[in-house]
Amino acid sequence: MPTLGLALMGTGRMAHVYGPKINAHPGLRLEVVYNPRIASAQKAAEDYGGRALDDLGTVLADPRVDAVVIATPTDTHVDYIEQAARAGKPIYCEKPLDQSLERVDRAMAALDAHPVPFMLGFNRRFDPDNAALRDAVRNGEVGRLNMLMSWSREPSPPPIDYVRGSGGYFVDATIHDIDLLCWIAGERPVEVMAAGSCMFDDRIGAEGDFDMTMTTLKMPSGALAHINNSRACAYGFDQRLEAFGDAGMVQTVNHRDDNLLHWDKRRTRALERLKHFFLERYDRSFYNALDEFHQAVTSGRAPSATAEDGRAALAIALACAQSAKSGNAVGPDIR
């Protein structure tokens, strides 16, 4: 198996997701951990291996670095994409590309000028259940697709400082569902209608954001897609998909540590709680996404989950935010 030497850019939460996955993959080798704060890079390198560096030019000039994994704060993505593309390094970038379409267009211009392989980390495409549901739809199991539905509810609201820098609920979270449903349907909406409310944490509302939303996407074929999001859920990380067509329906189910049915004096047919959060529920998807990147780069084909996919998902998410604020249906700015 061909091996890629990677530079892991960033040492925050998502870098700590990708570090172990890189080490677990037989075709990936962690060469460098980069952070402008060298102490943070050194700590991550102690955990996952590789050399700690704080100079990006040195990282990108290293011939042992075959590709980069950008797992830094969102507002740094475009700058790092531009520099890595100029250096000729294939790029895997955590989502979203940016919170601004103008800056996303800047990144795409850099990728056009320096056409290196690029993959955006829409990891939920690579969850086995989600991929199987898409295959069922594409293979005609439900007949003509009429409706798609996604339930995505988080166990508890994030810290308020996170909310302030998130770009809003639609851009931060709903964007995952948007990309997933468009990928399953094979089309993108001509119109969106969204509504939001704040019922769990008043501080989120004070920031002009929502902690629960409902979104409808109207597709060119006439199919409708519905997204139900909540930043709090008493019973865990609720993640379900449903595809309904004129010949049937397919659904995914929530994940638990086990599927045993428990019977005792207090309960019957009781199940374990749901997986706590995305780190547990989608653990395998991050490995699978890196595997897709490895296969694409080493075989010379284009990776899936492209920059253009990222721009479209952001445009739709921004249209949802506009709809929720205005109360009107909005046509997204999709190229």
Protein backbone atom coordinates (compact mmCIF):
# COMPACT_ATOMS: atom_id res chain seq x y z
CA MET A 1 0.00 0.00 0.00
CA PRO A 2 1.44 3.43 -0.92
CA THR A 3 2.13 5.58 2.14
CA LEU A 4 1.42 9.29 2.52
CA GLY A 5 3.37 11.40 4.98
CA LEU A 6 0.99 13.91 6.55
CA ALA A 7 1.33 17.24 8.30
CA LEU A 8 -1.44 17.65 10.88
CA MET A 9 -2.18 21.36 11.09
CA GLY A 10 -3.73 22.35 14.39
CA THR A 11 -3.85 20.84 17.86
CA GLY A 12 -7.44 21.47 18.94
CA ARG A 13 -10.40 19.13 19.29
CA MET A 14 -10.53 18.01 15.67
CA ALA A 15 -6.77 17.48 15.50
CA HIS A 16 -7.16 15.10 18.42
CA VAL A 17 -9.83 13.27 16.43
CA TYR A 18 -7.60 12.90 13.38
CA GLY A 19 -4.31 12.11 15.14
CA PRO A 20 -5.30 8.59 16.28
CA LYS A 21 -7.02 7.88 12.95
CA ILE A 22 -3.85 8.75 11.02
CA ASN A 23 -1.84 6.41 13.23
CA ALA A 24 -4.39 3.61 12.77
CA HIS A 25 -4.27 3.76 8.96
CA PRO A 26 -1.60 1.56 7.35
CA GLY A 27 -1.18 3.96 4.44
CA LEU A 28 -0.77 7.16 6.45
CA ARG A 29 2.25 8.37 8.40
CA LEU A 30 2.21 11.40 10.70
CA GLU A 31 5.32 13.38 9.81
CA VAL A 32 4.62 16.77 11.37
CA VAL A 33 2.30 18.41 13.88
CA TYR A 34 2.06 22.14 13.19
CA ASN A 35 0.93 24.93 15.47
CA PRO A 36 2.30 28.50 15.65
CA ARG A 37 2.44 27.89 19.41
CA ILE A 38 5.24 25.37 19.60
CA ALA A 39 4.30 24.08 23.07
CA SER A 40 0.92 22.95 21.75
CA ALA A 41 2.56 21.28 18.76
CA GLN A 42 5.05 19.50 21.03
CA LYS A 43 2.30 18.17 23.28
CA ALA A 44 0.32 16.77 20.33
CA ALA A 45 3.48 15.28 18.83
CA GLU A 46 4.13 13.51 22.12
CA ASP A 47 0.64 12.03 21.93
CA TYR A 48 0.57 11.03 18.25
CA GLY A 49 4.13 11.14 16.93
CA GLY A 50 5.74 13.26 14.27
CA ARG A 51 7.90 16.35 14.63
CA ALA A 52 6.54 19.51 16.23
CA LEU A 53 6.97 22.60 14.06
CA ASP A 54 5.79 26.19 14.40
CA ASP A 55 6.89 27.51 10.99
CA LEU A 56 4.48 26.79 8.15
CA GLY A 57 7.04 27.45 5.44
CA THR A 58 9.26 24.73 6.89
CA VAL A 59 6.33 22.32 7.00
CA LEU A 60 5.31 22.91 3.39
CA ALA A 61 8.89 22.75 2.10
CA ASP A 62 9.53 19.36 3.73
CA PRO A 63 9.70 16.64 1.03
CA ARG A 64 8.60 14.07 3.61
CA VAL A 65 5.24 15.86 3.88
CA ASP A 66 3.15 14.51 1.01
CA ALA A 67 -0.16 16.10 2.08
CA VAL A 68 -1.71 18.23 4.82
CA VAL A 69 -4.70 17.75 7.11
CA ILE A 70 -6.12 21.14 8.12
CA ALA A 71 -7.82 20.84 11.51
CA THR A 72 -7.47 24.44 12.63
CA PRO A 73 -10.12 27.07 13.51
CA THR A 74 -12.45 27.82 10.61
CA ASP A 75 -11.22 31.38 10.09
CA THR A 76 -7.73 30.07 9.25
CA HIS A 77 -8.78 27.50 6.63
CA VAL A 78 -8.61 29.72 3.56
CA ASP A 79 -5.13 31.06 4.33
CA TYR A 80 -3.77 27.56 4.91
CA ILE A 81 -5.46 26.22 1.78
CA GLU A 82 -3.86 28.96 -0.30
CA GLN A 83 -0.39 28.30 1.10
CA ALA A 84 -0.63 24.50 0.85
CA ALA A 85 -1.96 24.70 -2.71
CA ARG A 86 0.90 26.98 -3.77
CA ALA A 87 3.31 24.44 -2.26
CA GLY A 88 1.71 21.66 -4.31
CA LYS A 89 0.49 19.67 -1.30
CA PRO A 90 -2.77 17.67 -1.47
CA ILE A 91 -5.22 18.99 1.14
CA TYR A 92 -7.75 17.42 3.48
CA CYS A 93 -9.63 20.24 5.26
CA GLU A 94 -12.08 20.02 8.12
CA LYS A 95 -15.48 21.58 7.38
CA PRO A 96 -16.60 24.25 6.76
CA LEU A 97 -14.27 25.86 4.25
CA ASP A 98 -15.18 29.20 5.80
CA GLN A 99 -18.22 31.07 7.09
CA SER A 100 -18.15 33.52 4.15
CA LEU A 101 -18.88 32.75 0.49
CA GLU A 102 -16.43 35.47 -0.54
CA ARG A 103 -13.58 33.74 1.31
CA VAL A 104 -14.66 30.32 0.04
CA ASP A 105 -14.48 31.69 -3.50
CA ARG A 106 -10.95 32.87 -2.70
CA ALA A 107 -9.97 29.36 -1.62
CA MET A 108 -11.51 27.88 -4.76
CA ALA A 109 -9.58 30.36 -6.90
CA ALA A 110 -6.36 29.18 -5.25
CA LEU A 111 -7.28 25.57 -5.96
CA ASP A 112 -8.03 26.45 -9.59
CA ALA A 113 -4.66 28.18 -9.90
CA HIS A 114 -2.82 25.34 -8.17
CA PRO A 115 -4.89 22.19 -8.87
CA VAL A 116 -3.85 19.89 -6.03
CA PRO A 117 -6.17 17.14 -4.75
CA PHE A 118 -8.58 18.65 -2.22
CA MET A 119 -11.11 16.99 0.06
CA LEU A 120 -13.47 18.62 2.55
CA GLY A 121 -14.16 16.74 5.78
CA PHE A 122 -17.88 16.05 5.45
CA ASN A 123 -17.32 12.91 7.51
CA ARG A 124 -20.97 11.87 7.78
CA ARG A 125 -20.91 10.75 4.15
CA PHE A 126 -18.46 8.08 5.29
CA ASP A 127 -20.56 6.68 8.12
CA PRO A 128 -21.45 3.11 7.07
CA ASP A 129 -25.17 3.51 7.87
CA ASN A 130 -25.50 6.79 5.99
CA ALA A 131 -23.61 5.40 3.00
CA ALA A 132 -25.83 2.30 2.97
CA LEU A 133 -28.98 4.45 2.97
CA ARG A 134 -27.64 6.45 0.03
CA ASP A 135 -26.84 3.24 -1.83
CA ALA A 136 -30.39 2.00 -1.23
CA VAL A 137 -31.82 5.24 -2.63
CA ARG A 138 -29.49 5.28 -5.63
CA ASN A 139 -30.23 1.60 -6.34
CA GLY A 140 -33.95 2.35 -6.56
CA GLU A 141 -35.02 0.55 -3.40
CA VAL A 142 -37.50 3.30 -2.48
CA GLY A 143 -38.54 3.97 -6.07
CA ARG A 144 -38.83 7.62 -6.96
CA LEU A 145 -37.53 9.64 -4.01
CA ASN A 146 -40.26 11.84 -2.52
CA MET A 147 -38.92 12.88 0.89
CA LEU A 148 -35.70 12.85 2.88
CA MET A 149 -35.62 13.52 6.61
CA SER A 150 -32.74 14.06 9.01
CA TRP A 151 -32.96 14.26 12.79
CA SER A 152 -29.79 15.65 14.35
CA ARG A 153 -30.02 16.56 18.02
CA GLU A 154 -27.07 17.20 20.30
CA PRO A 155 -27.02 16.19 23.99
CA SER A 156 -26.42 19.70 25.39
CA PRO A 157 -25.70 23.24 24.19
CA PRO A 158 -22.05 24.15 23.55
CA PRO A 159 -20.20 26.80 25.59
CA ILE A 160 -21.37 30.30 24.76
CA ASP A 161 -17.89 31.30 23.56
CA TYR A 162 -18.11 28.52 20.98
CA VAL A 163 -21.52 29.80 19.83
CA ARG A 164 -20.12 33.31 19.35
CA GLY A 165 -17.49 32.10 16.90
CA SER A 166 -19.52 29.36 15.23
CA GLY A 167 -21.07 31.35 12.41
CA GLY A 168 -24.55 30.43 13.65
CA TYR A 169 -26.35 27.12 14.05
CA PHE A 170 -27.08 26.62 10.36
CA VAL A 171 -23.45 27.16 9.30
CA ASP A 172 -21.98 25.25 12.22
CA ALA A 173 -24.27 22.22 12.47
CA THR A 174 -27.10 22.11 9.92
CA ILE A 175 -24.47 22.26 7.17
CA HIS A 176 -23.68 18.59 7.91
CA ASP A 177 -27.31 17.59 7.30
CA ILE A 178 -27.50 19.79 4.21
CA ASP A 179 -24.49 18.16 2.61
CA LEU A 180 -25.66 14.69 3.57
CA LEU A 181 -29.17 15.08 2.15
CA CYS A 182 -27.96 16.70 -1.07
CA TRP A 183 -25.42 13.88 -1.47
CA ILE A 184 -28.11 11.24 -0.96
CA ALA A 185 -30.61 12.95 -3.27
CA GLY A 186 -28.06 13.78 -5.95
CA GLU A 187 -29.44 17.30 -6.28
CA ARG A 188 -29.41 20.64 -4.49
CA PRO A 189 -32.37 22.77 -3.45
CA VAL A 190 -33.81 25.58 -5.50
CA GLU A 191 -35.50 27.00 -2.40
CA VAL A 192 -35.20 26.70 1.37
CA MET A 193 -37.53 27.57 4.21
CA ALA A 194 -36.29 27.55 7.80
CA ALA A 195 -37.48 28.52 11.26
CA GLY A 196 -35.57 28.73 14.51
CA SER A 197 -36.19 29.23 18.19
CA CYS A 198 -34.25 29.35 21.44
CA MET A 199 -35.72 27.26 24.26
CA PHE A 200 -32.75 25.70 26.07
CA ASP A 201 -30.17 28.45 26.65
CA ASP A 202 -31.21 32.11 26.65
CA ARG A 203 -27.60 33.19 26.17
CA ILE A 204 -27.66 31.65 22.69
CA GLY A 205 -30.74 33.69 21.83
CA ALA A 206 -29.05 36.81 23.15
CA GLU A 207 -26.31 36.22 20.57
CA GLY A 208 -28.95 36.22 17.82
CA ASP A 209 -28.67 32.47 17.30
CA PHE A 210 -30.96 29.47 17.75
CA ASP A 211 -30.78 26.26 19.74
CA MET A 212 -33.47 24.46 17.74
CA THR A 213 -34.34 24.73 14.05
CA MET A 214 -36.49 23.15 11.38
CA THR A 215 -35.53 23.37 7.73
CA THR A 216 -37.22 22.36 4.48
CA LEU A 217 -35.31 22.04 1.21
CA LYS A 218 -37.24 21.96 -2.08
CA MET A 219 -35.32 20.03 -4.73
CA PRO A 220 -35.51 20.57 -8.52
CA SER A 221 -37.18 17.15 -8.90
CA GLY A 222 -39.96 18.19 -6.54
CA ALA A 223 -38.65 16.05 -3.68
CA LEU A 224 -38.65 17.64 -0.23
CA ALA A 225 -36.00 17.30 2.46
CA HIS A 226 -36.56 18.11 6.12
CA ILE A 227 -33.91 18.76 8.77
CA ASN A 228 -34.74 18.78 12.47
CA ASN A 229 -31.92 20.17 14.66
CA SER A 230 -31.65 20.74 18.39
CA ARG A 231 -28.73 21.78 20.56
CA ALA A 232 -30.12 19.81 23.50
CA CYS A 233 -31.58 16.32 23.78
CA ALA A 234 -32.26 14.64 27.13
CA TYR A 235 -31.69 11.11 25.85
CA GLY A 236 -28.37 11.59 24.04
CA PHE A 237 -27.08 12.23 20.51
CA ASP A 238 -30.10 11.57 18.30
CA GLN A 239 -29.01 10.85 14.72
CA ARG A 240 -31.51 9.37 12.26
CA LEU A 241 -32.16 9.47 8.53
CA GLU A 242 -35.20 8.46 6.51
CA ALA A 243 -35.68 8.22 2.75
CA PHE A 244 -39.28 7.82 1.55
CA GLY A 245 -40.30 7.07 -2.02
CA ASP A 246 -43.20 5.74 -4.05
CA ALA A 247 -41.94 2.16 -3.64
CA GLY A 248 -40.89 2.11 0.01
CA MET A 249 -38.79 3.62 2.76
CA VAL A 250 -35.36 3.11 4.34
CA GLN A 251 -34.22 4.39 7.73
CA THR A 252 -31.09 4.49 9.82
CA VAL A 253 -31.33 3.91 13.57
CA ASN A 254 -29.56 5.43 16.54
CA HIS A 255 -26.36 3.87 17.85
CA ARG A 256 -25.88 2.53 21.36
CA ASP A 257 -23.08 0.68 23.14
CA ASP A 258 -25.21 -2.43 22.77
CA ASN A 259 -28.71 -3.35 21.60
CA LEU A 260 -29.68 -5.58 24.50
CA LEU A 261 -33.26 -5.37 25.74
CA HIS A 262 -33.41 -5.02 29.53
CA TRP A 263 -36.36 -6.24 31.60
CA ASP A 264 -36.70 -5.75 35.38
CA LYS A 265 -39.09 -4.44 38.06
CA ARG A 266 -38.84 -0.88 36.78
CA ARG A 267 -38.72 -1.30 33.01
CA THR A 268 -39.48 -3.53 30.07
CA ARG A 269 -37.77 -3.55 26.69
CA ALA A 270 -35.34 -0.90 27.95
CA LEU A 271 -32.28 -0.10 25.84
CA GLU A 272 -28.93 1.48 26.61
CA ARG A 273 -28.65 5.25 26.20
CA LEU A 274 -27.65 6.63 22.83
CA LYS A 275 -24.03 7.35 22.01
CA HIS A 276 -23.14 10.57 23.80
CA PHE A 277 -21.93 12.84 20.99
CA PHE A 278 -20.44 12.98 17.49
CA LEU A 279 -17.01 11.82 18.67
CA GLU A 280 -18.52 8.48 19.71
CA ARG A 281 -21.32 8.15 17.15
CA TYR A 282 -19.24 9.04 14.09
CA ASP A 283 -15.88 7.70 15.24
CA ARG A 284 -15.53 5.30 12.30
CA SER A 285 -16.51 7.93 9.74
CA PHE A 286 -13.38 10.00 10.39
CA TYR A 287 -11.15 7.02 9.65
CA ASN A 288 -13.18 6.21 6.53
CA ALA A 289 -12.90 9.82 5.33
CA LEU A 290 -9.11 9.74 5.68
CA ASP A 291 -9.10 6.41 3.88
CA GLU A 292 -11.01 7.98 0.97
CA PHE A 293 -8.45 10.80 0.88
CA HIS A 294 -5.57 8.31 0.87
CA GLN A 295 -7.12 6.22 -1.89
CA ALA A 296 -7.86 9.26 -4.05
CA VAL A 297 -4.42 10.84 -3.71
CA THR A 298 -2.44 7.62 -4.19
CA SER A 299 -4.54 6.48 -7.16
CA GLY A 300 -4.60 9.85 -8.89
CA ARG A 301 -8.37 10.34 -8.88
CA ALA A 302 -10.26 13.30 -7.46
CA PRO A 303 -11.41 12.91 -3.83
CA SER A 304 -15.11 13.00 -3.03
CA ALA A 305 -16.53 15.85 -0.90
CA THR A 306 -15.06 18.64 -3.00
CA ALA A 307 -14.54 22.34 -2.41
CA GLU A 308 -17.52 22.95 -4.70
CA ASP A 309 -19.62 20.71 -2.41
CA GLY A 310 -18.47 22.84 0.50
CA ARG A 311 -19.42 26.07 -1.22
CA ALA A 312 -22.86 24.73 -2.09
CA ALA A 313 -23.51 23.54 1.47
CA LEU A 314 -22.44 26.91 2.88
CA ALA A 315 -24.63 28.79 0.40
CA ILE A 316 -27.62 26.66 1.42
CA ALA A 317 -26.85 27.09 5.14
CA LEU A 318 -26.64 30.87 4.74
CA ALA A 319 -29.94 30.84 2.85
CA CYS A 320 -31.48 28.87 5.74
CA ALA A 321 -30.23 31.48 8.21
CA GLN A 322 -31.69 34.25 6.05
CA SER A 323 -35.02 32.42 5.82
CA ALA A 324 -35.19 31.87 9.58
CA LYS A 325 -34.59 35.57 10.22
CA SER A 326 -36.94 36.87 7.52
CA GLY A 327 -39.69 34.25 7.60
CA ASN A 328 -39.51 33.96 3.82
CA ALA A 329 -38.42 31.23 1.43
CA VAL A 330 -34.95 31.90 0.02
CA GLY A 331 -33.15 30.67 -3.10
CA PRO A 332 -29.55 29.74 -2.21
CA ASP A 333 -26.61 31.29 -4.07
CA ILE A 334 -25.42 28.05 -5.68
CA ARG A 335 -23.19 28.30 -8.73
